[in-house]
Amino acid sequence: MLPFIIAMNEILLPEYNDQFLDQFDQEKQWLDSIETRVNELLDSDPGLLFSHLYRLDVEEHILLAILKHTSAEDLPKAISAEIWKRQKARAISRRNHPQNLILDSDY
């Protein structure tokens, strides 16, 4: 079973870890899982989808370009690809720039 981040009690994204970055053979599975959830949210609660996109740091100008230049039938796939791209970039950044724990008891 693939590890996932749970967002609003629904499977949305794979967890961040080195395994997440190195599983290129499972990328299609990740994308399919994300696309399934994007499709559900587009149909049932687009506002929640856009809230997720904001929290996932999907850039607004990229999302606007996707919405402007993508057909309705290809929209879930395009949004999913951008989510995947952004999450991979975040995971790489976290791996390359780890944050140290704050050990100050007054913090």
N, C-alpha and C. Protein backbone atom coordinates (compact mmCIF):
# COMPACT_ATOMS: atom_id res chain seq x y z
N MET A 1 0.84 -1.19 0.00
CA MET A 1 0.00 0.00 0.00
C MET A 1 0.88 1.25 0.00
N LEU A 2 0.46 2.25 -0.73
CA LEU A 2 1.21 3.49 -0.85
C LEU A 2 0.93 4.39 0.34
N PRO A 3 1.95 5.08 0.88
CA PRO A 3 1.70 6.03 1.97
C PRO A 3 1.04 7.29 1.42
N PHE A 4 0.09 7.83 2.16
CA PHE A 4 -0.62 9.01 1.70
C PHE A 4 -0.76 10.04 2.81
N ILE A 5 -0.85 11.28 2.41
CA ILE A 5 -1.24 12.35 3.32
C ILE A 5 -2.77 12.37 3.31
N ILE A 6 -3.37 12.51 4.45
CA ILE A 6 -4.82 12.58 4.52
C ILE A 6 -5.22 14.05 4.58
N ALA A 7 -6.03 14.46 3.64
CA ALA A 7 -6.50 15.85 3.59
C ALA A 7 -8.02 15.83 3.67
N MET A 8 -8.54 16.46 4.69
CA MET A 8 -9.98 16.54 4.89
C MET A 8 -10.60 15.13 4.87
N ASN A 9 -9.95 14.19 5.54
CA ASN A 9 -10.40 12.80 5.67
C ASN A 9 -10.45 12.06 4.34
N GLU A 10 -9.76 12.53 3.36
CA GLU A 10 -9.73 11.86 2.07
C GLU A 10 -8.28 11.68 1.64
N ILE A 11 -8.01 10.61 0.93
CA ILE A 11 -6.67 10.41 0.39
C ILE A 11 -6.45 11.44 -0.70
N LEU A 12 -5.37 12.19 -0.58
CA LEU A 12 -5.10 13.21 -1.59
C LEU A 12 -3.69 13.11 -2.13
N LEU A 13 -2.70 13.09 -1.27
CA LEU A 13 -1.32 13.17 -1.74
C LEU A 13 -0.42 12.18 -1.04
N PRO A 14 0.62 11.72 -1.74
CA PRO A 14 1.60 10.87 -1.08
C PRO A 14 2.37 11.63 -0.01
N GLU A 15 2.87 10.89 0.99
CA GLU A 15 3.67 11.51 2.04
C GLU A 15 4.99 12.01 1.48
N TYR A 16 5.59 12.97 2.18
CA TYR A 16 6.91 13.46 1.83
C TYR A 16 7.95 12.54 2.45
N ASN A 17 8.80 11.98 1.66
CA ASN A 17 9.98 11.26 2.14
C ASN A 17 10.83 10.90 0.94
N ASP A 18 12.02 10.38 1.20
CA ASP A 18 12.89 10.05 0.07
C ASP A 18 12.28 8.97 -0.81
N GLN A 19 11.54 8.07 -0.21
CA GLN A 19 10.89 7.03 -0.99
C GLN A 19 9.91 7.66 -1.98
N PHE A 20 9.21 8.71 -1.55
CA PHE A 20 8.29 9.45 -2.40
C PHE A 20 9.00 9.95 -3.65
N LEU A 21 10.23 10.43 -3.50
CA LEU A 21 10.97 10.98 -4.63
C LEU A 21 11.55 9.91 -5.53
N ASP A 22 11.84 8.75 -4.97
CA ASP A 22 12.55 7.72 -5.73
C ASP A 22 11.64 6.68 -6.35
N GLN A 23 10.36 6.79 -6.22
CA GLN A 23 9.45 5.79 -6.75
C GLN A 23 8.91 6.20 -8.12
N PHE A 24 9.80 6.39 -9.06
CA PHE A 24 9.37 6.82 -10.38
C PHE A 24 8.46 5.79 -11.04
N ASP A 25 8.67 4.51 -10.71
CA ASP A 25 7.83 3.46 -11.28
C ASP A 25 6.39 3.55 -10.77
N GLN A 26 6.20 4.22 -9.65
CA GLN A 26 4.85 4.36 -9.10
C GLN A 26 4.24 5.73 -9.36
N GLU A 27 4.92 6.54 -10.15
CA GLU A 27 4.41 7.89 -10.41
C GLU A 27 3.02 7.86 -11.02
N LYS A 28 2.76 6.92 -11.92
CA LYS A 28 1.43 6.82 -12.53
C LYS A 28 0.37 6.54 -11.47
N GLN A 29 0.70 5.69 -10.49
CA GLN A 29 -0.24 5.41 -9.40
C GLN A 29 -0.53 6.67 -8.60
N TRP A 30 0.51 7.43 -8.28
CA TRP A 30 0.33 8.68 -7.53
C TRP A 30 -0.58 9.62 -8.33
N LEU A 31 -0.25 9.80 -9.59
CA LEU A 31 -1.03 10.72 -10.42
C LEU A 31 -2.48 10.26 -10.54
N ASP A 32 -2.69 8.95 -10.70
CA ASP A 32 -4.06 8.44 -10.79
C ASP A 32 -4.84 8.71 -9.50
N SER A 33 -4.18 8.51 -8.36
CA SER A 33 -4.84 8.76 -7.07
C SER A 33 -5.20 10.24 -6.91
N ILE A 34 -4.26 11.09 -7.26
CA ILE A 34 -4.51 12.54 -7.17
C ILE A 34 -5.62 12.93 -8.14
N GLU A 35 -5.56 12.41 -9.36
CA GLU A 35 -6.56 12.76 -10.36
C GLU A 35 -7.96 12.31 -9.94
N THR A 36 -8.05 11.14 -9.33
CA THR A 36 -9.35 10.66 -8.85
C THR A 36 -9.94 11.64 -7.85
N ARG A 37 -9.12 12.09 -6.91
CA ARG A 37 -9.60 13.02 -5.88
C ARG A 37 -9.92 14.39 -6.49
N VAL A 38 -9.09 14.86 -7.41
CA VAL A 38 -9.36 16.14 -8.07
C VAL A 38 -10.69 16.06 -8.81
N ASN A 39 -10.92 14.96 -9.51
CA ASN A 39 -12.18 14.76 -10.23
C ASN A 39 -13.37 14.81 -9.28
N GLU A 40 -13.25 14.12 -8.14
CA GLU A 40 -14.33 14.12 -7.14
C GLU A 40 -14.61 15.54 -6.65
N LEU A 41 -13.54 16.27 -6.34
CA LEU A 41 -13.73 17.62 -5.82
C LEU A 41 -14.25 18.58 -6.88
N LEU A 42 -13.83 18.43 -8.12
CA LEU A 42 -14.37 19.28 -9.19
C LEU A 42 -15.88 19.08 -9.31
N ASP A 43 -16.32 17.83 -9.16
CA ASP A 43 -17.75 17.53 -9.28
C ASP A 43 -18.55 17.92 -8.04
N SER A 44 -17.97 17.70 -6.86
CA SER A 44 -18.76 17.85 -5.64
C SER A 44 -18.49 19.14 -4.86
N ASP A 45 -17.25 19.63 -4.88
CA ASP A 45 -16.92 20.79 -4.05
C ASP A 45 -15.70 21.53 -4.62
N PRO A 46 -15.87 22.26 -5.73
CA PRO A 46 -14.73 22.96 -6.33
C PRO A 46 -14.07 23.95 -5.37
N GLY A 47 -14.85 24.55 -4.48
CA GLY A 47 -14.28 25.48 -3.51
C GLY A 47 -13.25 24.80 -2.61
N LEU A 48 -13.55 23.59 -2.19
CA LEU A 48 -12.62 22.82 -1.36
C LEU A 48 -11.37 22.48 -2.16
N LEU A 49 -11.54 22.13 -3.44
CA LEU A 49 -10.38 21.85 -4.29
C LEU A 49 -9.48 23.08 -4.36
N PHE A 50 -10.05 24.25 -4.59
CA PHE A 50 -9.23 25.46 -4.69
C PHE A 50 -8.60 25.82 -3.35
N SER A 51 -9.27 25.50 -2.28
CA SER A 51 -8.68 25.68 -0.95
C SER A 51 -7.46 24.77 -0.79
N HIS A 52 -7.59 23.52 -1.22
CA HIS A 52 -6.44 22.60 -1.19
C HIS A 52 -5.30 23.12 -2.05
N LEU A 53 -5.63 23.59 -3.24
CA LEU A 53 -4.59 24.08 -4.16
C LEU A 53 -3.85 25.26 -3.53
N TYR A 54 -4.56 26.13 -2.85
CA TYR A 54 -3.93 27.26 -2.16
C TYR A 54 -2.98 26.75 -1.09
N ARG A 55 -3.45 25.81 -0.27
CA ARG A 55 -2.61 25.28 0.81
C ARG A 55 -1.43 24.46 0.30
N LEU A 56 -1.57 23.91 -0.89
CA LEU A 56 -0.48 23.14 -1.49
C LEU A 56 0.50 24.03 -2.25
N ASP A 57 0.26 25.32 -2.22
CA ASP A 57 1.13 26.31 -2.87
C ASP A 57 1.21 26.16 -4.39
N VAL A 58 0.10 25.75 -5.00
CA VAL A 58 0.04 25.75 -6.46
C VAL A 58 -0.12 27.21 -6.86
N GLU A 59 0.80 27.68 -7.68
CA GLU A 59 0.82 29.11 -8.02
C GLU A 59 -0.42 29.51 -8.82
N GLU A 60 -0.96 30.66 -8.44
CA GLU A 60 -2.21 31.13 -9.05
C GLU A 60 -2.07 31.33 -10.56
N HIS A 61 -0.97 31.90 -11.01
CA HIS A 61 -0.83 32.15 -12.46
C HIS A 61 -0.76 30.84 -13.24
N ILE A 62 -0.21 29.80 -12.64
CA ILE A 62 -0.17 28.49 -13.31
C ILE A 62 -1.57 27.91 -13.36
N LEU A 63 -2.29 28.00 -12.25
CA LEU A 63 -3.66 27.49 -12.21
C LEU A 63 -4.55 28.24 -13.21
N LEU A 64 -4.40 29.55 -13.29
CA LEU A 64 -5.18 30.33 -14.25
C LEU A 64 -4.88 29.91 -15.69
N ALA A 65 -3.61 29.64 -15.99
CA ALA A 65 -3.24 29.18 -17.33
C ALA A 65 -3.87 27.81 -17.62
N ILE A 66 -3.86 26.93 -16.63
CA ILE A 66 -4.48 25.61 -16.80
C ILE A 66 -5.98 25.78 -17.07
N LEU A 67 -6.64 26.61 -16.28
CA LEU A 67 -8.08 26.81 -16.44
C LEU A 67 -8.41 27.45 -17.79
N LYS A 68 -7.55 28.33 -18.26
CA LYS A 68 -7.79 29.04 -19.52
C LYS A 68 -7.53 28.17 -20.75
N HIS A 69 -6.49 27.34 -20.68
CA HIS A 69 -6.03 26.65 -21.89
C HIS A 69 -6.31 25.15 -21.91
N THR A 70 -7.04 24.63 -20.94
CA THR A 70 -7.27 23.19 -20.87
C THR A 70 -8.76 22.91 -21.03
N SER A 71 -9.06 21.89 -21.83
CA SER A 71 -10.47 21.51 -22.01
C SER A 71 -11.01 20.93 -20.71
N ALA A 72 -12.32 20.96 -20.57
CA ALA A 72 -12.97 20.47 -19.34
C ALA A 72 -12.63 19.01 -19.08
N GLU A 73 -12.56 18.21 -20.12
CA GLU A 73 -12.28 16.78 -19.92
C GLU A 73 -10.84 16.53 -19.49
N ASP A 74 -9.92 17.42 -19.84
CA ASP A 74 -8.51 17.26 -19.46
C ASP A 74 -8.13 18.01 -18.19
N LEU A 75 -9.08 18.77 -17.65
CA LEU A 75 -8.79 19.60 -16.48
C LEU A 75 -8.30 18.80 -15.26
N PRO A 76 -8.96 17.70 -14.89
CA PRO A 76 -8.45 16.94 -13.73
C PRO A 76 -7.02 16.46 -13.91
N LYS A 77 -6.70 16.01 -15.10
CA LYS A 77 -5.34 15.52 -15.37
C LYS A 77 -4.32 16.65 -15.28
N ALA A 78 -4.66 17.82 -15.82
CA ALA A 78 -3.74 18.96 -15.80
C ALA A 78 -3.53 19.47 -14.37
N ILE A 79 -4.60 19.57 -13.61
CA ILE A 79 -4.48 20.03 -12.22
C ILE A 79 -3.68 19.02 -11.41
N SER A 80 -3.95 17.75 -11.62
CA SER A 80 -3.23 16.68 -10.91
C SER A 80 -1.74 16.72 -11.21
N ALA A 81 -1.40 16.93 -12.47
CA ALA A 81 0.02 17.00 -12.85
C ALA A 81 0.70 18.17 -12.15
N GLU A 82 0.01 19.29 -12.02
CA GLU A 82 0.60 20.45 -11.35
C GLU A 82 0.74 20.21 -9.85
N ILE A 83 -0.25 19.55 -9.24
CA ILE A 83 -0.14 19.20 -7.83
C ILE A 83 1.06 18.29 -7.62
N TRP A 84 1.19 17.27 -8.46
CA TRP A 84 2.30 16.32 -8.36
C TRP A 84 3.64 17.05 -8.50
N LYS A 85 3.73 17.92 -9.49
CA LYS A 85 4.97 18.67 -9.73
C LYS A 85 5.33 19.51 -8.50
N ARG A 86 4.33 20.19 -7.94
CA ARG A 86 4.58 21.05 -6.78
C ARG A 86 4.97 20.24 -5.55
N GLN A 87 4.31 19.12 -5.33
CA GLN A 87 4.63 18.29 -4.17
C GLN A 87 6.03 17.69 -4.28
N LYS A 88 6.42 17.31 -5.48
CA LYS A 88 7.78 16.79 -5.66
C LYS A 88 8.80 17.89 -5.38
N ALA A 89 8.53 19.10 -5.86
CA ALA A 89 9.45 20.22 -5.61
C ALA A 89 9.55 20.51 -4.12
N ARG A 90 8.44 20.46 -3.41
CA ARG A 90 8.46 20.68 -1.96
C ARG A 90 9.25 19.60 -1.24
N ALA A 91 9.07 18.36 -1.66
CA ALA A 91 9.79 17.25 -1.02
C ALA A 91 11.29 17.37 -1.26
N ILE A 92 11.68 17.75 -2.47
CA ILE A 92 13.10 17.94 -2.78
C ILE A 92 13.67 19.07 -1.95
N SER A 93 12.92 20.16 -1.84
CA SER A 93 13.37 21.29 -1.03
C SER A 93 13.54 20.89 0.43
N ARG A 94 12.59 20.14 0.96
CA ARG A 94 12.70 19.69 2.35
C ARG A 94 13.89 18.76 2.55
N ARG A 95 14.15 17.94 1.56
CA ARG A 95 15.30 17.03 1.66
C ARG A 95 16.61 17.81 1.60
N ASN A 96 16.67 18.79 0.73
CA ASN A 96 17.91 19.56 0.53
C ASN A 96 18.13 20.64 1.59
N HIS A 97 17.08 21.06 2.26
CA HIS A 97 17.17 22.13 3.26
C HIS A 97 16.41 21.72 4.52
N PRO A 98 16.90 20.72 5.23
CA PRO A 98 16.18 20.26 6.43
C PRO A 98 16.15 21.34 7.51
N GLN A 99 15.06 21.39 8.22
CA GLN A 99 14.90 22.34 9.32
C GLN A 99 15.27 21.64 10.62
N ASN A 100 16.06 22.30 11.44
CA ASN A 100 16.40 21.75 12.74
C ASN A 100 15.26 22.01 13.71
N LEU A 101 15.07 21.09 14.62
CA LEU A 101 14.06 21.27 15.65
C LEU A 101 14.46 22.40 16.58
N ILE A 102 13.48 23.16 17.04
CA ILE A 102 13.73 24.23 18.00
C ILE A 102 13.76 23.59 19.39
N LEU A 103 14.91 23.66 20.03
CA LEU A 103 15.08 23.02 21.33
C LEU A 103 14.96 23.99 22.49
N ASP A 104 14.74 25.25 22.21
CA ASP A 104 14.60 26.28 23.24
C ASP A 104 13.29 26.06 24.00
N SER A 105 13.37 25.85 25.29
CA SER A 105 12.17 25.56 26.09
C SER A 105 11.24 26.77 26.19
N ASP A 106 11.74 27.97 25.94
CA ASP A 106 10.91 29.17 26.00
C ASP A 106 10.17 29.44 24.70
N TYR A 107 10.45 28.69 23.67
CA TYR A 107 9.83 28.94 22.38
C TYR A 107 8.42 28.42 22.36
